[in-house]
Amino acid sequence: MTQKTTKPTNKKLRQTILDIRNKTYPYKNKQLKKIDFTKYNLAQINEITDVLQSIRNIVDLADQRIQQRDPPQKGPGRPKAPPKDVVKVQLLETYFGISDRVAEGFFNLFREKLGISSEFCYKTIERGYDPERSDELVEEILKITNEIGNAHETKFSIDGTGDPCTSKVNYESKRSQQRAKKQTKSNNKPVENTNKPIDNRGDNKAGGVDCFAGRRHDFQYCVFTVGVTTKIIGGFATSDDHHRGELSFFQEVVEQTVANCPCFDVLLGDGLYANRVVCGLLEQQELTAYFLPRSNVTFKSRGVALWKRMLYGLVLNPQLWLESYHDRSISESANSMLKRREPAKIRKKLSPRKGVAEAFKVLVHNIRQICYLKYLNPQMLNTEIYVK
């Protein structure tokens, strides 16, 4: 006779989630990955040379693809500075964390290394941050960095962060204040309906009060997905609007990641994403989700099969489920890398230009990671595209 398996109950599900959140579940930690510090030291020694060479090769390839799709047409007047040359200097500027004027001097210093033949001043660099001048190249460079570094990546983690536009504010301090207000409000607030559509407020509102009240546009918000193995960003969206939160960017970021990363199969995220609406969007893309839900959830799918599959996996084998879920911390690592390696504030004042400046931070991060993977994990790189 076959042994009859008992169907897990909502009570067991909620107790499992409580045990995990209270850190009383007997989780067995995974073995830490060893780092070959000989290769890591070599990657650091050659970082500047490799990054500059990669900027040249990747931007040239992106410009070549764009010109093949849409050949440039000559018009009247003085010809503009080649967009690819301006973007190379902007990436150089972002990498060293310098201003437009200082970047003009740096571009004269590294002209030969970057393959720049044209002449232009810092005002041309400044105007290059207008989206209509740089968006096409930025999108193509993001695709190429993913074709090189995320060609074999299957698991991604999603998270949000904020870069200050002034030296007088700190994003993490503001977020701590937000969480404290949200915790206070939640004690007297009814349980929210997790089936409601994603709105534009996201989690930047707590109890109907803007937790980032004060100076307007003092942060540039960014939500991105990052490869768990490569730490290369697959898709991102950005805004300086305080009324937008992580959830309002979700669909755009996931669709961009699907387009850029052909092996994308699993998405990890924190409790913010643990709702049926998000799971429904992922189900349309045939993706698997690992989000730790609230302790008051039920198995009711309400038409979203992925929701039930995710919860059944959690309650039937918590150890195996958590082994995948805890890779979500990679997005926190990527956040830390962006803050430590590119600590400069967003210097632009106009909202469209701030968005482009944030995009260059993402591109520089991806290019640097490709340079490190060349030493530490070369099998993850698509060598058919990558040029040493």
Protein backbone atom coordinates (compact mmCIF):
# COMPACT_ATOMS: atom_id res chain seq x y z
CA MET A 1 0.00 0.00 0.00
CA THR A 2 1.20 3.49 -0.79
CA GLN A 3 1.47 5.90 2.09
CA LYS A 4 -1.07 8.71 1.91
CA THR A 5 0.49 12.15 2.01
CA THR A 6 -1.22 14.81 4.09
CA LYS A 7 -2.03 18.09 2.41
CA PRO A 8 -0.30 21.05 4.12
CA THR A 9 -2.65 23.43 5.89
CA ASN A 10 -2.69 27.20 6.07
CA LYS A 11 -1.81 26.88 9.75
CA LYS A 12 1.36 24.96 8.95
CA LEU A 13 2.27 27.45 6.23
CA ARG A 14 1.90 30.41 8.56
CA GLN A 15 3.88 28.71 11.34
CA THR A 16 6.70 27.93 8.90
CA ILE A 17 6.86 31.56 7.79
CA LEU A 18 6.83 32.76 11.41
CA ASP A 19 9.68 30.39 12.29
CA ILE A 20 11.71 31.71 9.34
CA ARG A 21 11.03 35.36 10.13
CA ASN A 22 11.78 34.86 13.84
CA LYS A 23 14.95 32.95 12.90
CA THR A 24 13.90 29.87 14.88
CA TYR A 25 13.73 27.51 11.89
CA PRO A 26 16.73 25.09 11.99
CA TYR A 27 18.20 26.16 8.65
CA LYS A 28 21.51 24.58 7.64
CA ASN A 29 23.80 27.18 6.11
CA LYS A 30 25.36 26.56 2.74
CA GLN A 31 29.13 26.28 2.45
CA LEU A 32 30.83 29.57 1.70
CA LYS A 33 32.37 29.86 -1.74
CA LYS A 34 36.13 30.13 -1.77
CA ILE A 35 37.76 33.06 -3.55
CA ASP A 36 40.99 32.63 -5.46
CA PHE A 37 42.75 35.71 -4.12
CA THR A 38 45.64 35.32 -6.53
CA LYS A 39 43.24 35.84 -9.44
CA TYR A 40 41.33 38.51 -7.52
CA ASN A 41 44.52 40.49 -6.92
CA LEU A 42 45.40 40.21 -10.60
CA ALA A 43 41.93 41.50 -11.54
CA GLN A 44 42.35 44.50 -9.23
CA ILE A 45 45.82 45.31 -10.54
CA ASN A 46 44.59 45.33 -14.14
CA GLU A 47 41.17 46.88 -13.45
CA ILE A 48 41.72 50.36 -14.87
CA THR A 49 43.36 49.09 -18.04
CA ASP A 50 40.71 46.41 -18.57
CA VAL A 51 37.78 48.78 -17.88
CA LEU A 52 39.03 51.43 -20.31
CA GLN A 53 39.67 48.83 -23.01
CA SER A 54 36.23 47.30 -22.43
CA ILE A 55 34.55 50.71 -22.63
CA ARG A 56 36.19 51.26 -26.01
CA ASN A 57 35.30 47.83 -27.42
CA ILE A 58 31.71 47.71 -26.11
CA VAL A 59 30.77 51.26 -27.12
CA ASP A 60 32.28 50.75 -30.59
CA LEU A 61 30.28 47.54 -30.99
CA ALA A 62 27.08 49.26 -29.82
CA ASP A 63 27.60 52.14 -32.24
CA GLN A 64 28.31 49.71 -35.09
CA ARG A 65 25.03 47.86 -34.46
CA ILE A 66 23.03 51.09 -34.33
CA GLN A 67 24.52 52.36 -37.59
CA GLN A 68 23.74 49.06 -39.30
CA ARG A 69 20.10 49.35 -38.24
CA ASP A 70 19.78 53.07 -38.94
CA PRO A 71 22.58 54.50 -41.13
CA PRO A 72 23.36 58.15 -40.24
CA GLN A 73 22.33 60.83 -42.73
CA LYS A 74 24.32 63.99 -43.31
CA GLY A 75 22.53 67.27 -42.72
CA PRO A 76 23.33 70.97 -43.03
CA GLY A 77 25.58 72.77 -40.60
CA ARG A 78 28.56 71.74 -38.55
CA PRO A 79 28.65 67.98 -37.83
CA LYS A 80 28.00 66.99 -34.23
CA ALA A 81 30.54 65.23 -32.07
CA PRO A 82 30.17 61.46 -32.59
CA PRO A 83 27.76 60.15 -29.89
CA LYS A 84 29.98 57.13 -29.26
CA ASP A 85 32.93 59.40 -28.34
CA VAL A 86 30.78 61.42 -25.94
CA VAL A 87 29.41 58.25 -24.30
CA LYS A 88 32.94 56.90 -23.86
CA VAL A 89 33.87 60.05 -21.95
CA GLN A 90 30.68 59.87 -19.88
CA LEU A 91 31.47 56.29 -18.88
CA LEU A 92 35.02 57.39 -18.05
CA GLU A 93 33.58 60.26 -16.00
CA THR A 94 31.28 57.89 -14.10
CA TYR A 95 34.04 55.36 -13.47
CA PHE A 96 36.34 57.96 -11.87
CA GLY A 97 33.49 59.88 -10.19
CA ILE A 98 34.46 63.28 -11.61
CA SER A 99 32.62 66.32 -12.99
CA ASP A 100 32.14 67.30 -16.66
CA ARG A 101 34.96 69.85 -16.61
CA VAL A 102 37.46 67.45 -15.05
CA ALA A 103 36.28 64.77 -17.50
CA GLU A 104 37.43 66.96 -20.39
CA GLY A 105 40.95 66.79 -19.03
CA PHE A 106 40.69 63.03 -18.40
CA PHE A 107 39.47 62.41 -21.94
CA ASN A 108 42.55 64.21 -23.32
CA LEU A 109 44.70 62.02 -21.08
CA PHE A 110 43.04 58.72 -22.12
CA ARG A 111 42.15 59.70 -25.71
CA GLU A 112 44.25 56.98 -27.34
CA LYS A 113 43.14 54.27 -24.89
CA LEU A 114 39.47 55.03 -25.56
CA GLY A 115 39.90 55.39 -29.31
CA ILE A 116 38.59 58.98 -29.51
CA SER A 117 39.58 61.09 -32.51
CA SER A 118 37.11 63.99 -32.27
CA GLU A 119 37.47 67.24 -30.32
CA PHE A 120 34.80 68.61 -27.95
CA CYS A 121 34.53 70.48 -24.67
CA TYR A 122 32.80 69.83 -21.35
CA LYS A 123 29.58 71.49 -22.58
CA THR A 124 29.24 68.74 -25.18
CA ILE A 125 29.67 66.17 -22.40
CA GLU A 126 27.00 67.96 -20.38
CA ARG A 127 24.52 68.03 -23.29
CA GLY A 128 25.22 64.35 -23.89
CA TYR A 129 23.16 63.56 -20.77
CA ASP A 130 19.98 64.57 -22.61
CA PRO A 131 18.08 61.30 -23.20
CA GLU A 132 17.50 61.96 -26.91
CA ARG A 133 21.28 62.08 -27.43
CA SER A 134 22.29 58.99 -25.45
CA ASP A 135 19.30 56.66 -24.83
CA GLU A 136 19.82 54.49 -27.90
CA LEU A 137 23.48 53.86 -27.12
CA VAL A 138 22.75 53.27 -23.42
CA GLU A 139 20.15 50.60 -24.24
CA GLU A 140 22.46 48.90 -26.74
CA ILE A 141 25.40 48.89 -24.29
CA LEU A 142 23.19 47.34 -21.60
CA LYS A 143 22.19 44.59 -24.05
CA ILE A 144 25.80 43.91 -25.00
CA THR A 145 27.03 43.72 -21.39
CA ASN A 146 24.31 41.13 -20.75
CA GLU A 147 25.11 39.21 -23.92
CA ILE A 148 28.68 38.98 -22.69
CA GLY A 149 28.21 38.40 -18.95
CA ASN A 150 24.67 37.07 -18.43
CA ALA A 151 24.44 34.74 -21.41
CA HIS A 152 24.35 31.68 -19.10
CA GLU A 153 22.81 33.22 -15.96
CA THR A 154 19.48 31.66 -14.93
CA LYS A 155 18.76 33.14 -11.48
CA PHE A 156 18.23 36.83 -10.75
CA SER A 157 17.47 38.87 -7.64
CA ILE A 158 15.44 42.10 -7.68
CA ASP A 159 15.78 45.04 -5.31
CA GLY A 160 15.57 48.82 -5.15
CA THR A 161 17.97 51.50 -4.00
CA GLY A 162 18.50 55.25 -4.14
CA ASP A 163 21.43 57.48 -5.06
CA PRO A 164 21.58 60.91 -3.39
CA CYS A 165 21.52 64.05 -5.53
CA THR A 166 22.97 66.10 -2.67
CA SER A 167 25.63 65.44 -0.05
CA LYS A 168 23.23 66.44 2.77
CA VAL A 169 21.07 63.31 2.69
CA ASN A 170 21.65 59.60 3.17
CA TYR A 171 19.40 57.03 1.56
CA GLU A 172 19.72 54.33 4.22
CA SER A 173 18.90 56.80 7.02
CA LYS A 174 15.76 57.88 5.18
CA ARG A 175 14.76 54.25 4.63
CA SER A 176 15.23 53.50 8.32
CA GLN A 177 12.86 56.35 9.17
CA GLN A 178 10.38 55.00 6.63
CA ARG A 179 10.46 51.49 8.09
CA ALA A 180 9.93 52.84 11.61
CA LYS A 181 6.88 54.86 10.51
CA LYS A 182 5.51 51.91 8.56
CA GLN A 183 5.91 49.61 11.58
CA THR A 184 4.06 52.11 13.79
CA LYS A 185 1.19 52.48 11.32
CA SER A 186 0.86 48.72 10.71
CA ASN A 187 -0.18 48.08 14.34
CA ASN A 188 -3.44 49.99 13.78
CA LYS A 189 -3.92 49.22 10.10
CA PRO A 190 -6.13 46.40 8.63
CA VAL A 191 -4.51 43.70 6.49
CA GLU A 192 -4.00 44.94 2.95
CA ASN A 193 -5.45 43.16 -0.06
CA THR A 194 -2.51 41.59 -1.87
CA ASN A 195 -4.63 41.09 -4.99
CA LYS A 196 -4.96 44.79 -5.79
CA PRO A 197 -3.19 46.15 -8.89
CA ILE A 198 0.28 47.60 -8.56
CA ASP A 199 0.01 51.37 -8.10
CA ASN A 200 2.52 54.17 -8.49
CA ARG A 201 3.12 54.66 -4.78
CA GLY A 202 4.92 51.37 -4.20
CA ASP A 203 6.50 51.27 -0.76
CA ASN A 204 7.53 54.92 -0.56
CA LYS A 205 4.32 55.58 1.34
CA ALA A 206 3.70 54.42 4.89
CA GLY A 207 0.20 54.90 6.24
CA GLY A 208 -0.54 57.50 3.55
CA VAL A 209 2.38 59.73 4.64
CA ASP A 210 5.32 60.41 2.36
CA CYS A 211 8.29 59.11 4.37
CA PHE A 212 10.73 61.03 2.14
CA ALA A 213 8.98 64.33 2.81
CA GLY A 214 11.25 67.35 2.78
CA ARG A 215 13.39 68.31 -0.18
CA ARG A 216 11.92 67.18 -3.49
CA HIS A 217 13.99 65.13 -5.92
CA ASP A 218 16.88 64.66 -3.48
CA PHE A 219 17.22 60.98 -4.48
CA GLN A 220 17.41 59.13 -7.77
CA TYR A 221 15.57 55.84 -7.22
CA CYS A 222 16.55 52.70 -9.09
CA VAL A 223 15.10 49.16 -9.21
CA PHE A 224 17.17 46.47 -10.88
CA THR A 225 17.64 42.74 -11.35
CA VAL A 226 21.12 41.28 -10.87
CA GLY A 227 22.53 37.88 -11.81
CA VAL A 228 23.17 35.72 -8.75
CA THR A 229 26.40 34.27 -10.13
CA THR A 230 27.69 37.16 -12.23
CA LYS A 231 26.41 40.18 -10.24
CA ILE A 232 25.71 41.83 -13.61
CA ILE A 233 22.55 43.93 -13.80
CA GLY A 234 20.07 42.52 -16.32
CA GLY A 235 17.39 45.22 -16.26
CA PHE A 236 16.69 48.45 -14.39
CA ALA A 237 14.36 51.42 -14.18
CA THR A 238 14.98 54.75 -12.50
CA SER A 239 13.13 57.90 -11.41
CA ASP A 240 13.49 60.86 -9.04
CA ASP A 241 9.76 60.91 -8.29
CA HIS A 242 9.12 60.35 -4.56
CA HIS A 243 5.64 59.01 -5.25
CA ARG A 244 6.96 56.00 -7.12
CA GLY A 245 8.12 52.86 -5.31
CA GLU A 246 9.66 49.53 -6.17
CA LEU A 247 6.45 47.81 -7.23
CA SER A 248 5.63 50.42 -9.87
CA PHE A 249 8.89 49.54 -11.67
CA PHE A 250 8.48 45.76 -11.42
CA GLN A 251 6.92 44.88 -14.77
CA GLU A 252 9.25 47.14 -16.77
CA VAL A 253 12.36 45.73 -15.09
CA VAL A 254 11.32 42.07 -15.47
CA GLU A 255 10.41 42.49 -19.16
CA GLN A 256 13.76 44.15 -19.81
CA THR A 257 15.59 41.31 -18.04
CA VAL A 258 13.71 38.71 -20.10
CA ALA A 259 14.72 40.53 -23.29
CA ASN A 260 18.39 40.87 -22.28
CA CYS A 261 18.99 37.48 -20.60
CA PRO A 262 17.80 34.45 -22.60
CA CYS A 263 18.36 31.93 -19.78
CA PHE A 264 16.44 33.94 -17.15
CA ASP A 265 14.33 31.39 -15.27
CA VAL A 266 14.15 32.24 -11.53
CA LEU A 267 13.48 35.53 -9.74
CA LEU A 268 14.21 36.18 -6.05
CA GLY A 269 12.88 39.09 -4.02
CA ASP A 270 11.97 40.30 -0.55
CA GLY A 271 8.51 40.29 1.03
CA LEU A 272 7.42 43.38 -0.91
CA TYR A 273 6.99 41.24 -4.03
CA ALA A 274 5.16 38.37 -2.29
CA ASN A 275 1.69 38.94 -3.72
CA ARG A 276 -0.51 37.37 -6.37
CA VAL A 277 -0.32 40.28 -8.79
CA VAL A 278 3.47 40.01 -9.04
CA CYS A 279 3.29 36.21 -9.32
CA GLY A 280 0.71 36.59 -12.08
CA LEU A 281 3.08 38.81 -14.07
CA LEU A 282 5.91 36.29 -13.62
CA GLU A 283 3.62 33.43 -14.63
CA GLN A 284 3.00 35.16 -17.96
CA GLN A 285 6.77 35.11 -18.53
CA GLU A 286 7.00 31.42 -17.44
CA LEU A 287 9.32 32.26 -14.54
CA THR A 288 9.72 30.72 -11.07
CA ALA A 289 9.44 32.94 -7.98
CA TYR A 290 10.99 32.86 -4.50
CA PHE A 291 9.45 35.59 -2.32
CA LEU A 292 9.06 35.18 1.45
CA PRO A 293 5.40 36.16 2.11
CA ARG A 294 3.72 37.61 5.17
CA SER A 295 2.70 35.26 7.96
CA ASN A 296 -1.04 35.73 7.31
CA VAL A 297 -1.15 34.38 3.74
CA THR A 298 -3.21 31.44 2.47
CA PHE A 299 -2.85 28.86 -0.29
CA LYS A 300 -5.75 30.36 -2.26
CA SER A 301 -4.38 30.97 -5.73
CA ARG A 302 -7.22 33.16 -7.05
CA GLY A 303 -6.28 32.20 -10.58
CA VAL A 304 -2.49 32.46 -10.10
CA ALA A 305 -1.01 28.96 -10.12
CA LEU A 306 2.53 30.25 -9.47
CA TRP A 307 1.41 31.61 -6.09
CA LYS A 308 0.31 28.17 -4.90
CA ARG A 309 3.42 26.43 -6.31
CA MET A 310 5.68 28.90 -4.50
CA LEU A 311 3.94 28.39 -1.14
CA TYR A 312 3.79 24.60 -1.48
CA GLY A 313 7.53 24.53 -2.17
CA LEU A 314 8.10 26.62 0.96
CA VAL A 315 6.02 24.49 3.34
CA LEU A 316 6.92 21.02 1.97
CA ASN A 317 10.69 21.50 1.93
CA PRO A 318 11.71 24.74 3.70
CA GLN A 319 15.42 23.87 3.71
CA LEU A 320 15.61 23.44 -0.08
CA TRP A 321 13.37 26.48 -0.66
CA LEU A 322 15.48 28.70 1.58
CA GLU A 323 18.70 27.61 -0.13
CA SER A 324 17.42 29.27 -3.29
CA TYR A 325 15.70 32.18 -1.56
CA HIS A 326 18.77 33.27 0.43
CA ASP A 327 20.58 34.02 -2.83
CA ARG A 328 18.40 37.13 -2.76
CA SER A 329 21.16 38.75 -0.71
CA ILE A 330 23.16 39.11 -3.94
CA SER A 331 21.04 42.14 -4.80
CA GLU A 332 22.11 43.68 -1.47
CA SER A 333 25.71 42.92 -2.41
CA ALA A 334 25.23 44.64 -5.77
CA ASN A 335 23.75 47.67 -3.97
CA SER A 336 26.80 47.78 -1.71
CA MET A 337 29.14 47.49 -4.69
CA LEU A 338 27.45 50.41 -6.45
CA LYS A 339 27.67 52.56 -3.32
CA ARG A 340 31.29 51.75 -2.52
CA ARG A 341 32.72 51.84 -6.04
CA GLU A 342 30.68 54.80 -7.30
CA PRO A 343 30.01 56.87 -4.16
CA ALA A 344 29.71 60.24 -5.92
CA LYS A 345 26.32 61.94 -5.82
CA ILE A 346 24.23 62.47 -8.94
CA ARG A 347 25.50 65.85 -10.13
CA LYS A 348 22.81 66.58 -12.69
CA LYS A 349 19.92 68.92 -11.82
CA LEU A 350 17.39 68.16 -14.57
CA SER A 351 15.30 65.02 -14.02
CA PRO A 352 15.91 63.47 -17.49
CA ARG A 353 19.66 63.97 -17.16
CA LYS A 354 19.67 62.44 -13.66
CA GLY A 355 18.09 59.30 -15.12
CA VAL A 356 20.83 59.05 -17.76
CA ALA A 357 23.53 59.60 -15.11
CA GLU A 358 22.07 56.71 -13.07
CA ALA A 359 22.06 54.53 -16.19
CA PHE A 360 25.78 55.18 -16.69
CA LYS A 361 26.42 53.98 -13.12
CA VAL A 362 24.70 50.71 -14.01
CA LEU A 363 26.70 50.36 -17.23
CA VAL A 364 30.02 51.01 -15.49
CA HIS A 365 29.13 48.41 -12.85
CA ASN A 366 28.40 45.83 -15.57
CA ILE A 367 31.61 46.59 -17.48
CA ARG A 368 33.68 46.31 -14.31
CA GLN A 369 32.05 42.98 -13.45
CA ILE A 370 32.84 41.62 -16.90
CA CYS A 371 36.49 42.56 -16.36
CA TYR A 372 36.54 40.69 -13.03
CA LEU A 373 34.76 37.63 -14.44
CA LYS A 374 37.51 37.35 -17.04
CA TYR A 375 39.83 36.35 -14.19
CA LEU A 376 37.52 34.81 -11.58
CA ASN A 377 34.82 33.00 -13.59
CA PRO A 378 35.66 33.10 -17.33
CA GLN A 379 33.28 30.24 -18.19
CA MET A 380 30.34 32.57 -17.53
CA LEU A 381 31.44 34.94 -20.31
CA ASN A 382 30.25 34.73 -23.90
CA THR A 383 33.68 34.77 -25.57
CA GLU A 384 32.16 35.04 -29.06
CA ILE A 385 31.27 38.66 -28.27
CA TYR A 386 33.80 39.62 -25.63
CA VAL A 387 37.00 41.15 -27.01
CA LYS A 388 40.03 41.07 -24.73
